[in-house]
Amino acid sequence: MQSPQTIEELLSAVAAKGGELDGLGFADDEIVKQARSQGLVDVDPGDAWTLVDTVRLTPTQRLVMGLPPIVRKPSVLALTLHAVATAFARIFGNRRAHP
């Protein structure tokens, strides 16, 4: 992809790719730095192995650009702990002496 010249072009390009754009050198681009400082995008710089930077729209900007919000699903650990806590509460929760 050609480097965007304005913040609007950057936001349009990221929105067209589903809210995430990968490429080399995005973290060092001035337009990306400006958009990041304004809180419009998040940037994950590439590591030494891949060198691919990822630009993502912030959750608020996703809604502004007409993309659906990202809904995080609970982890398996969280679901398991919740099930254990619920079972524990059912077993030991209503142990009152009736008069």
PDB file of N, CA and C in Angstrom:
ATOM      1  N   MET A   1       0.830  -1.178   0.000  1.00  0.00           N
ATOM      2  CA  MET A   1       0.000   0.000   0.000  1.00  0.00           C
ATOM      3  C   MET A   1       0.875   1.242   0.000  1.00  0.00           C
ATOM      4  N   GLN A   2       0.433   2.243  -0.727  1.00  0.00           N
ATOM      5  CA  GLN A   2       1.142   3.512  -0.762  1.00  0.00           C
ATOM      6  C   GLN A   2       0.909   4.245   0.559  1.00  0.00           C
ATOM      7  N   SER A   3       1.906   4.970   1.000  1.00  0.00           N
ATOM      8  CA  SER A   3       1.812   5.684   2.266  1.00  0.00           C
ATOM      9  C   SER A   3       0.739   6.768   2.182  1.00  0.00           C
ATOM     10  N   PRO A   4      -0.173   6.831   3.162  1.00  0.00           N
ATOM     11  CA  PRO A   4      -1.234   7.846   3.124  1.00  0.00           C
ATOM     12  C   PRO A   4      -0.659   9.247   3.318  1.00  0.00           C
ATOM     13  N   GLN A   5      -1.288  10.227   2.675  1.00  0.00           N
ATOM     14  CA  GLN A   5      -0.828  11.610   2.751  1.00  0.00           C
ATOM     15  C   GLN A   5      -1.556  12.412   3.830  1.00  0.00           C
ATOM     16  N   THR A   6      -2.754  11.981   4.210  1.00  0.00           N
ATOM     17  CA  THR A   6      -3.524  12.679   5.244  1.00  0.00           C
ATOM     18  C   THR A   6      -4.061  11.656   6.239  1.00  0.00           C
ATOM     19  N   ILE A   7      -4.516  12.167   7.370  1.00  0.00           N
ATOM     20  CA  ILE A   7      -5.093  11.294   8.387  1.00  0.00           C
ATOM     21  C   ILE A   7      -6.380  10.657   7.865  1.00  0.00           C
ATOM     22  N   GLU A   8      -7.168  11.417   7.094  1.00  0.00           N
ATOM     23  CA  GLU A   8      -8.409  10.876   6.541  1.00  0.00           C
ATOM     24  C   GLU A   8      -8.133   9.694   5.613  1.00  0.00           C
ATOM     25  N   GLU A   9      -7.089   9.806   4.789  1.00  0.00           N
ATOM     26  CA  GLU A   9      -6.717   8.695   3.906  1.00  0.00           C
ATOM     27  C   GLU A   9      -6.297   7.474   4.729  1.00  0.00           C
ATOM     28  N   LEU A  10      -5.559   7.710   5.794  1.00  0.00           N
ATOM     29  CA  LEU A  10      -5.133   6.613   6.661  1.00  0.00           C
ATOM     30  C   LEU A  10      -6.339   5.922   7.280  1.00  0.00           C
ATOM     31  N   LEU A  11      -7.260   6.708   7.840  1.00  0.00           N
ATOM     32  CA  LEU A  11      -8.437   6.131   8.477  1.00  0.00           C
ATOM     33  C   LEU A  11      -9.292   5.367   7.474  1.00  0.00           C
ATOM     34  N   SER A  12      -9.435   5.908   6.269  1.00  0.00           N
ATOM     35  CA  SER A  12     -10.212   5.226   5.225  1.00  0.00           C
ATOM     36  C   SER A  12      -9.557   3.909   4.830  1.00  0.00           C
ATOM     37  N   ALA A  13      -8.231   3.914   4.699  1.00  0.00           N
ATOM     38  CA  ALA A  13      -7.513   2.697   4.316  1.00  0.00           C
ATOM     39  C   ALA A  13      -7.630   1.627   5.400  1.00  0.00           C
ATOM     40  N   VAL A  14      -7.510   2.038   6.650  1.00  0.00           N
ATOM     41  CA  VAL A  14      -7.613   1.077   7.749  1.00  0.00           C
ATOM     42  C   VAL A  14      -9.040   0.536   7.843  1.00  0.00           C
ATOM     43  N   ALA A  15     -10.031   1.409   7.683  1.00  0.00           N
ATOM     44  CA  ALA A  15     -11.429   0.969   7.733  1.00  0.00           C
ATOM     45  C   ALA A  15     -11.746   0.024   6.581  1.00  0.00           C
ATOM     46  N   ALA A  16     -11.177   0.275   5.405  1.00  0.00           N
ATOM     47  CA  ALA A  16     -11.420  -0.593   4.247  1.00  0.00           C
ATOM     48  C   ALA A  16     -10.841  -1.989   4.461  1.00  0.00           C
ATOM     49  N   LYS A  17      -9.810  -2.090   5.271  1.00  0.00           N
ATOM     50  CA  LYS A  17      -9.188  -3.390   5.559  1.00  0.00           C
ATOM     51  C   LYS A  17      -9.784  -4.046   6.810  1.00  0.00           C
ATOM     52  N   GLY A  18     -10.917  -3.561   7.277  1.00  0.00           N
ATOM     53  CA  GLY A  18     -11.571  -4.184   8.429  1.00  0.00           C
ATOM     54  C   GLY A  18     -11.110  -3.671   9.770  1.00  0.00           C
ATOM     55  N   GLY A  19     -10.445  -2.532   9.805  1.00  0.00           N
ATOM     56  CA  GLY A  19     -10.016  -1.941  11.071  1.00  0.00           C
ATOM     57  C   GLY A  19      -8.588  -2.224  11.450  1.00  0.00           C
ATOM     58  N   GLU A  20      -7.872  -2.969  10.613  1.00  0.00           N
ATOM     59  CA  GLU A  20      -6.481  -3.319  10.909  1.00  0.00           C
ATOM     60  C   GLU A  20      -5.683  -3.323   9.615  1.00  0.00           C
ATOM     61  N   LEU A  21      -4.505  -2.714   9.659  1.00  0.00           N
ATOM     62  CA  LEU A  21      -3.660  -2.609   8.476  1.00  0.00           C
ATOM     63  C   LEU A  21      -2.236  -2.979   8.864  1.00  0.00           C
ATOM     64  N   ASP A  22      -1.635  -3.887   8.107  1.00  0.00           N
ATOM     65  CA  ASP A  22      -0.266  -4.332   8.358  1.00  0.00           C
ATOM     66  C   ASP A  22       0.645  -3.825   7.254  1.00  0.00           C
ATOM     67  N   GLY A  23       1.874  -3.505   7.629  1.00  0.00           N
ATOM     68  CA  GLY A  23       2.844  -3.092   6.627  1.00  0.00           C
ATOM     69  C   GLY A  23       4.183  -2.746   7.248  1.00  0.00           C
ATOM     70  N   LEU A  24       5.167  -2.568   6.402  1.00  0.00           N
ATOM     71  CA  LEU A  24       6.510  -2.218   6.855  1.00  0.00           C
ATOM     72  C   LEU A  24       6.617  -0.710   7.064  1.00  0.00           C
ATOM     73  N   GLY A  25       7.148  -0.305   8.190  1.00  0.00           N
ATOM     74  CA  GLY A  25       7.449   1.094   8.436  1.00  0.00           C
ATOM     75  C   GLY A  25       6.283   1.974   8.814  1.00  0.00           C
ATOM     76  N   PHE A  26       5.121   1.414   9.114  1.00  0.00           N
ATOM     77  CA  PHE A  26       3.983   2.254   9.492  1.00  0.00           C
ATOM     78  C   PHE A  26       4.231   2.996  10.800  1.00  0.00           C
ATOM     79  N   ALA A  27       4.938   2.394  11.732  1.00  0.00           N
ATOM     80  CA  ALA A  27       5.162   3.023  13.035  1.00  0.00           C
ATOM     81  C   ALA A  27       5.992   4.295  12.917  1.00  0.00           C
ATOM     82  N   ASP A  28       6.808   4.404  11.860  1.00  0.00           N
ATOM     83  CA  ASP A  28       7.664   5.578  11.688  1.00  0.00           C
ATOM     84  C   ASP A  28       7.056   6.642  10.788  1.00  0.00           C
ATOM     85  N   ASP A  29       5.896   6.384  10.199  1.00  0.00           N
ATOM     86  CA  ASP A  29       5.266   7.338   9.290  1.00  0.00           C
ATOM     87  C   ASP A  29       4.702   8.523  10.076  1.00  0.00           C
ATOM     88  N   GLU A  30       4.896   9.727   9.573  1.00  0.00           N
ATOM     89  CA  GLU A  30       4.453  10.942  10.281  1.00  0.00           C
ATOM     90  C   GLU A  30       2.935  11.012  10.411  1.00  0.00           C
ATOM     91  N   ILE A  31       2.208  10.606   9.379  1.00  0.00           N
ATOM     92  CA  ILE A  31       0.742  10.645   9.433  1.00  0.00           C
ATOM     93  C   ILE A  31       0.233   9.678  10.506  1.00  0.00           C
ATOM     94  N   VAL A  32       0.841   8.511  10.586  1.00  0.00           N
ATOM     95  CA  VAL A  32       0.450   7.529  11.602  1.00  0.00           C
ATOM     96  C   VAL A  32       0.767   8.068  12.996  1.00  0.00           C
ATOM     97  N   LYS A  33       1.913   8.720  13.143  1.00  0.00           N
ATOM     98  CA  LYS A  33       2.270   9.309  14.441  1.00  0.00           C
ATOM     99  C   LYS A  33       1.271  10.386  14.850  1.00  0.00           C
ATOM    100  N   GLN A  34       0.834  11.215  13.895  1.00  0.00           N
ATOM    101  CA  GLN A  34      -0.153  12.255  14.198  1.00  0.00           C
ATOM    102  C   GLN A  34      -1.492  11.638  14.596  1.00  0.00           C
ATOM    103  N   ALA A  35      -1.925  10.623  13.849  1.00  0.00           N
ATOM    104  CA  ALA A  35      -3.194   9.965  14.170  1.00  0.00           C
ATOM    105  C   ALA A  35      -3.126   9.281  15.533  1.00  0.00           C
ATOM    106  N   ARG A  36      -1.975   8.728  15.847  1.00  0.00           N
ATOM    107  CA  ARG A  36      -1.806   8.077  17.149  1.00  0.00           C
ATOM    108  C   ARG A  36      -1.838   9.108  18.274  1.00  0.00           C
ATOM    109  N   SER A  37      -1.201  10.242  18.076  1.00  0.00           N
ATOM    110  CA  SER A  37      -1.190  11.274  19.116  1.00  0.00           C
ATOM    111  C   SER A  37      -2.582  11.862  19.340  1.00  0.00           C
ATOM    112  N   GLN A  38      -3.440  11.814  18.312  1.00  0.00           N
ATOM    113  CA  GLN A  38      -4.813  12.301  18.448  1.00  0.00           C
ATOM    114  C   GLN A  38      -5.754  11.228  18.991  1.00  0.00           C
ATOM    115  N   GLY A  39      -5.228  10.027  19.204  1.00  0.00           N
ATOM    116  CA  GLY A  39      -6.034   8.953  19.759  1.00  0.00           C
ATOM    117  C   GLY A  39      -6.947   8.277  18.759  1.00  0.00           C
ATOM    118  N   LEU A  40      -6.616   8.350  17.474  1.00  0.00           N
ATOM    119  CA  LEU A  40      -7.461   7.757  16.438  1.00  0.00           C
ATOM    120  C   LEU A  40      -7.072   6.318  16.111  1.00  0.00           C
ATOM    121  N   VAL A  41      -5.791   5.990  16.266  1.00  0.00           N
ATOM    122  CA  VAL A  41      -5.311   4.643  15.948  1.00  0.00           C
ATOM    123  C   VAL A  41      -4.370   4.158  17.041  1.00  0.00           C
ATOM    124  N   ASP A  42      -4.243   2.849  17.119  1.00  0.00           N
ATOM    125  CA  ASP A  42      -3.240   2.200  17.962  1.00  0.00           C
ATOM    126  C   ASP A  42      -2.220   1.563  17.034  1.00  0.00           C
ATOM    127  N   VAL A  43      -0.946   1.624  17.411  1.00  0.00           N
ATOM    128  CA  VAL A  43       0.117   1.077  16.572  1.00  0.00           C
ATOM    129  C   VAL A  43       0.882   0.026  17.367  1.00  0.00           C
ATOM    130  N   ASP A  44       1.016  -1.148  16.767  1.00  0.00           N
ATOM    131  CA  ASP A  44       1.850  -2.211  17.327  1.00  0.00           C
ATOM    132  C   ASP A  44       3.071  -2.344  16.435  1.00  0.00           C
ATOM    133  N   PRO A  45       4.233  -1.851  16.890  1.00  0.00           N
ATOM    134  CA  PRO A  45       5.427  -1.971  16.043  1.00  0.00           C
ATOM    135  C   PRO A  45       5.855  -3.422  15.907  1.00  0.00           C
ATOM    136  N   GLY A  46       6.404  -3.740  14.758  1.00  0.00           N
ATOM    137  CA  GLY A  46       6.855  -5.105  14.492  1.00  0.00           C
ATOM    138  C   GLY A  46       8.074  -5.457  15.316  1.00  0.00           C
ATOM    139  N   ASP A  47       8.241  -6.741  15.549  1.00  0.00           N
ATOM    140  CA  ASP A  47       9.414  -7.194  16.284  1.00  0.00           C
ATOM    141  C   ASP A  47      10.574  -7.413  15.315  1.00  0.00           C
ATOM    142  N   ALA A  48      11.696  -7.809  15.835  1.00  0.00           N
ATOM    143  CA  ALA A  48      12.896  -7.971  15.008  1.00  0.00           C
ATOM    144  C   ALA A  48      12.751  -9.110  14.003  1.00  0.00           C
ATOM    145  N   TRP A  49      11.823 -10.016  14.247  1.00  0.00           N
ATOM    146  CA  TRP A  49      11.672 -11.155  13.346  1.00  0.00           C
ATOM    147  C   TRP A  49      10.807 -10.808  12.134  1.00  0.00           C
ATOM    148  N   THR A  50       9.653 -10.156  12.364  1.00  0.00           N
ATOM    149  CA  THR A  50       8.722  -9.910  11.260  1.00  0.00           C
ATOM    150  C   THR A  50       8.873  -8.534  10.631  1.00  0.00           C
ATOM    151  N   LEU A  51       9.199  -7.527  11.421  1.00  0.00           N
ATOM    152  CA  LEU A  51       9.320  -6.136  10.977  1.00  0.00           C
ATOM    153  C   LEU A  51       8.017  -5.549  10.444  1.00  0.00           C
ATOM    154  N   VAL A  52       6.891  -6.202  10.664  1.00  0.00           N
ATOM    155  CA  VAL A  52       5.605  -5.731  10.158  1.00  0.00           C
ATOM    156  C   VAL A  52       4.891  -4.971  11.270  1.00  0.00           C
ATOM    157  N   ASP A  53       4.578  -3.694  11.004  1.00  0.00           N
ATOM    158  CA  ASP A  53       3.846  -2.869  11.952  1.00  0.00           C
ATOM    159  C   ASP A  53       2.349  -3.036  11.699  1.00  0.00           C
ATOM    160  N   THR A  54       1.562  -2.986  12.771  1.00  0.00           N
ATOM    161  CA  THR A  54       0.114  -3.113  12.657  1.00  0.00           C
ATOM    162  C   THR A  54      -0.532  -1.834  13.161  1.00  0.00           C
ATOM    163  N   VAL A  55      -1.406  -1.263  12.344  1.00  0.00           N
ATOM    164  CA  VAL A  55      -2.167  -0.070  12.709  1.00  0.00           C
ATOM    165  C   VAL A  55      -3.615  -0.499  12.879  1.00  0.00           C
ATOM    166  N   ARG A  56      -4.199  -0.206  14.059  1.00  0.00           N
ATOM    167  CA  ARG A  56      -5.593  -0.557  14.344  1.00  0.00           C
ATOM    168  C   ARG A  56      -6.360   0.694  14.732  1.00  0.00           C
ATOM    169  N   LEU A  57      -7.621   0.733  14.344  1.00  0.00           N
ATOM    170  CA  LEU A  57      -8.487   1.812  14.799  1.00  0.00           C
ATOM    171  C   LEU A  57      -8.796   1.616  16.277  1.00  0.00           C
ATOM    172  N   THR A  58      -8.896   2.703  17.018  1.00  0.00           N
ATOM    173  CA  THR A  58      -9.297   2.615  18.418  1.00  0.00           C
ATOM    174  C   THR A  58     -10.770   2.213  18.471  1.00  0.00           C
ATOM    175  N   PRO A  59     -11.242   1.688  19.603  1.00  0.00           N
ATOM    176  CA  PRO A  59     -12.651   1.274  19.681  1.00  0.00           C
ATOM    177  C   PRO A  59     -13.637   2.390  19.340  1.00  0.00           C
ATOM    178  N   THR A  60     -13.377   3.601  19.797  1.00  0.00           N
ATOM    179  CA  THR A  60     -14.262   4.719  19.479  1.00  0.00           C
ATOM    180  C   THR A  60     -14.227   5.039  17.997  1.00  0.00           C
ATOM    181  N   GLN A  61     -13.044   5.030  17.411  1.00  0.00           N
ATOM    182  CA  GLN A  61     -12.908   5.353  15.993  1.00  0.00           C
ATOM    183  C   GLN A  61     -13.529   4.268  15.116  1.00  0.00           C
ATOM    184  N   ARG A  62     -13.539   3.016  15.583  1.00  0.00           N
ATOM    185  CA  ARG A  62     -14.216   1.944  14.827  1.00  0.00           C
ATOM    186  C   ARG A  62     -15.684   2.280  14.642  1.00  0.00           C
ATOM    187  N   LEU A  63     -16.326   2.769  15.707  1.00  0.00           N
ATOM    188  CA  LEU A  63     -17.740   3.125  15.620  1.00  0.00           C
ATOM    189  C   LEU A  63     -17.955   4.320  14.708  1.00  0.00           C
ATOM    190  N   VAL A  64     -17.051   5.295  14.779  1.00  0.00           N
ATOM    191  CA  VAL A  64     -17.160   6.483  13.922  1.00  0.00           C
ATOM    192  C   VAL A  64     -17.043   6.101  12.452  1.00  0.00           C
ATOM    193  N   MET A  65     -16.171   5.142  12.150  1.00  0.00           N
ATOM    194  CA  MET A  65     -15.951   4.723  10.763  1.00  0.00           C
ATOM    195  C   MET A  65     -16.993   3.701  10.293  1.00  0.00           C
ATOM    196  N   GLY A  66     -17.938   3.345  11.152  1.00  0.00           N
ATOM    197  CA  GLY A  66     -19.008   2.441  10.754  1.00  0.00           C
ATOM    198  C   GLY A  66     -18.683   0.965  10.865  1.00  0.00           C
ATOM    199  N   LEU A  67     -17.632   0.624  11.589  1.00  0.00           N
ATOM    200  CA  LEU A  67     -17.273  -0.779  11.788  1.00  0.00           C
ATOM    201  C   LEU A  67     -17.889  -1.281  13.089  1.00  0.00           C
ATOM    202  N   PRO A  68     -18.193  -2.569  13.179  1.00  0.00           N
ATOM    203  CA  PRO A  68     -18.763  -3.092  14.423  1.00  0.00           C
ATOM    204  C   PRO A  68     -17.722  -3.093  15.538  1.00  0.00           C
ATOM    205  N   PRO A  69     -18.174  -2.951  16.780  1.00  0.00           N
ATOM    206  CA  PRO A  69     -17.223  -2.986  17.893  1.00  0.00           C
ATOM    207  C   PRO A  69     -16.638  -4.382  18.062  1.00  0.00           C
ATOM    208  N   ILE A  70     -15.461  -4.430  18.649  1.00  0.00           N
ATOM    209  CA  ILE A  70     -14.825  -5.710  18.943  1.00  0.00           C
ATOM    210  C   ILE A  70     -15.314  -6.158  20.313  1.00  0.00           C
ATOM    211  N   VAL A  71     -15.949  -7.320  20.351  1.00  0.00           N
ATOM    212  CA  VAL A  71     -16.463  -7.868  21.600  1.00  0.00           C
ATOM    213  C   VAL A  71     -15.539  -8.998  22.018  1.00  0.00           C
ATOM    214  N   ARG A  72     -14.914  -8.829  23.146  1.00  0.00           N
ATOM    215  CA  ARG A  72     -13.985  -9.834  23.642  1.00  0.00           C
ATOM    216  C   ARG A  72     -14.767 -10.946  24.332  1.00  0.00           C
ATOM    217  N   LYS A  73     -14.445 -12.171  23.997  1.00  0.00           N
ATOM    218  CA  LYS A  73     -15.082 -13.318  24.631  1.00  0.00           C
ATOM    219  C   LYS A  73     -14.295 -13.681  25.883  1.00  0.00           C
ATOM    220  N   PRO A  74     -15.000 -14.148  26.931  1.00  0.00           N
ATOM    221  CA  PRO A  74     -14.276 -14.534  28.145  1.00  0.00           C
ATOM    222  C   PRO A  74     -13.389 -15.746  27.888  1.00  0.00           C
ATOM    223  N   SER A  75     -12.317 -15.813  28.620  1.00  0.00           N
ATOM    224  CA  SER A  75     -11.379 -16.924  28.456  1.00  0.00           C
ATOM    225  C   SER A  75     -11.948 -18.198  29.082  1.00  0.00           C
ATOM    226  N   VAL A  76     -11.351 -19.309  28.750  1.00  0.00           N
ATOM    227  CA  VAL A  76     -11.760 -20.596  29.310  1.00  0.00           C
ATOM    228  C   VAL A  76     -11.548 -20.595  30.821  1.00  0.00           C
ATOM    229  N   LEU A  77     -10.467 -19.991  31.274  1.00  0.00           N
ATOM    230  CA  LEU A  77     -10.195 -19.919  32.710  1.00  0.00           C
ATOM    231  C   LEU A  77     -11.287 -19.132  33.431  1.00  0.00           C
ATOM    232  N   ALA A  78     -11.692 -18.000  32.872  1.00  0.00           N
ATOM    233  CA  ALA A  78     -12.734 -17.191  33.495  1.00  0.00           C
ATOM    234  C   ALA A  78     -14.059 -17.948  33.549  1.00  0.00           C
ATOM    235  N   LEU A  79     -14.394 -18.649  32.477  1.00  0.00           N
ATOM    236  CA  LEU A  79     -15.633 -19.432  32.464  1.00  0.00           C
ATOM    237  C   LEU A  79     -15.592 -20.560  33.495  1.00  0.00           C
ATOM    238  N   THR A  80     -14.446 -21.211  33.618  1.00  0.00           N
ATOM    239  CA  THR A  80     -14.299 -22.302  34.582  1.00  0.00           C
ATOM    240  C   THR A  80     -14.411 -21.787  36.011  1.00  0.00           C
ATOM    241  N   LEU A  81     -13.728 -20.686  36.311  1.00  0.00           N
ATOM    242  CA  LEU A  81     -13.799 -20.116  37.659  1.00  0.00           C
ATOM    243  C   LEU A  81     -15.219 -19.677  38.002  1.00  0.00           C
ATOM    244  N   HIS A  82     -15.926 -19.129  37.038  1.00  0.00           N
ATOM    245  CA  HIS A  82     -17.307 -18.716  37.267  1.00  0.00           C
ATOM    246  C   HIS A  82     -18.190 -19.931  37.561  1.00  0.00           C
ATOM    247  N   ALA A  83     -17.999 -21.010  36.813  1.00  0.00           N
ATOM    248  CA  ALA A  83     -18.783 -22.225  37.043  1.00  0.00           C
ATOM    249  C   ALA A  83     -18.498 -22.813  38.425  1.00  0.00           C
ATOM    250  N   VAL A  84     -17.239 -22.821  38.836  1.00  0.00           N
ATOM    251  CA  VAL A  84     -16.874 -23.335  40.159  1.00  0.00           C
ATOM    252  C   VAL A  84     -17.478 -22.462  41.253  1.00  0.00           C
ATOM    253  N   ALA A  85     -17.398 -21.158  41.105  1.00  0.00           N
ATOM    254  CA  ALA A  85     -17.962 -20.251  42.105  1.00  0.00           C
ATOM    255  C   ALA A  85     -19.477 -20.402  42.194  1.00  0.00           C
ATOM    256  N   THR A  86     -20.139 -20.586  41.067  1.00  0.00           N
ATOM    257  CA  THR A  86     -21.590 -20.777  41.064  1.00  0.00           C
ATOM    258  C   THR A  86     -21.967 -22.083  41.759  1.00  0.00           C
ATOM    259  N   ALA A  87     -21.241 -23.146  41.457  1.00  0.00           N
ATOM    260  CA  ALA A  87     -21.515 -24.436  42.099  1.00  0.00           C
ATOM    261  C   ALA A  87     -21.273 -24.353  43.605  1.00  0.00           C
ATOM    262  N   PHE A  88     -20.211 -23.704  44.009  1.00  0.00           N
ATOM    263  CA  PHE A  88     -19.896 -23.531  45.427  1.00  0.00           C
ATOM    264  C   PHE A  88     -21.005 -22.748  46.126  1.00  0.00           C
ATOM    265  N   ALA A  89     -21.492 -21.703  45.485  1.00  0.00           N
ATOM    266  CA  ALA A  89     -22.557 -20.891  46.077  1.00  0.00           C
ATOM    267  C   ALA A  89     -23.851 -21.690  46.199  1.00  0.00           C
ATOM    268  N   ARG A  90     -24.141 -22.537  45.235  1.00  0.00           N
ATOM    269  CA  ARG A  90     -25.354 -23.362  45.310  1.00  0.00           C
ATOM    270  C   ARG A  90     -25.264 -24.392  46.435  1.00  0.00           C
ATOM    271  N   ILE A  91     -24.100 -24.969  46.585  1.00  0.00           N
ATOM    272  CA  ILE A  91     -23.942 -26.014  47.601  1.00  0.00           C
ATOM    273  C   ILE A  91     -23.960 -25.429  49.007  1.00  0.00           C
ATOM    274  N   PHE A  92     -23.226 -24.362  49.234  1.00  0.00           N
ATOM    275  CA  PHE A  92     -23.058 -23.820  50.582  1.00  0.00           C
ATOM    276  C   PHE A  92     -23.814 -22.519  50.831  1.00  0.00           C
ATOM    277  N   GLY A  93     -24.553 -22.044  49.876  1.00  0.00           N
ATOM    278  CA  GLY A  93     -25.185 -20.732  50.007  1.00  0.00           C
ATOM    279  C   GLY A  93     -26.413 -20.684  50.879  1.00  0.00           C
ATOM    280  N   ASN A  94     -27.275 -21.671  50.832  1.00  0.00           N
ATOM    281  CA  ASN A  94     -28.542 -21.623  51.564  1.00  0.00           C
ATOM    282  C   ASN A  94     -28.541 -22.563  52.763  1.00  0.00           C
ATOM    283  N   ARG A  95     -27.549 -22.498  53.580  1.00  0.00           N
ATOM    284  CA  ARG A  95     -27.436 -23.352  54.773  1.00  0.00           C
ATOM    285  C   ARG A  95     -27.884 -22.579  56.013  1.00  0.00           C
ATOM    286  N   ARG A  96     -29.142 -22.231  56.057  1.00  0.00           N
ATOM    287  CA  ARG A  96     -29.670 -21.538  57.232  1.00  0.00           C
ATOM    288  C   ARG A  96     -30.545 -22.503  58.028  1.00  0.00           C
ATOM    289  N   ALA A  97     -30.487 -22.354  59.312  1.00  0.00           N
ATOM    290  CA  ALA A  97     -31.356 -23.166  60.164  1.00  0.00           C
ATOM    291  C   ALA A  97     -32.749 -22.563  60.140  1.00  0.00           C
ATOM    292  N   HIS A  98     -33.733 -23.395  59.881  1.00  0.00           N
ATOM    293  CA  HIS A  98     -35.112 -22.906  59.855  1.00  0.00           C
ATOM    294  C   HIS A  98     -35.720 -23.023  61.244  1.00  0.00           C
ATOM    295  N   PRO A  99     -36.339 -21.954  61.752  1.00  0.00           N
ATOM    296  CA  PRO A  99     -36.914 -22.008  63.110  1.00  0.00           C
ATOM    297  C   PRO A  99     -38.188 -22.800  63.194  1.00  0.00           C
TER     298      PRO A  99
END
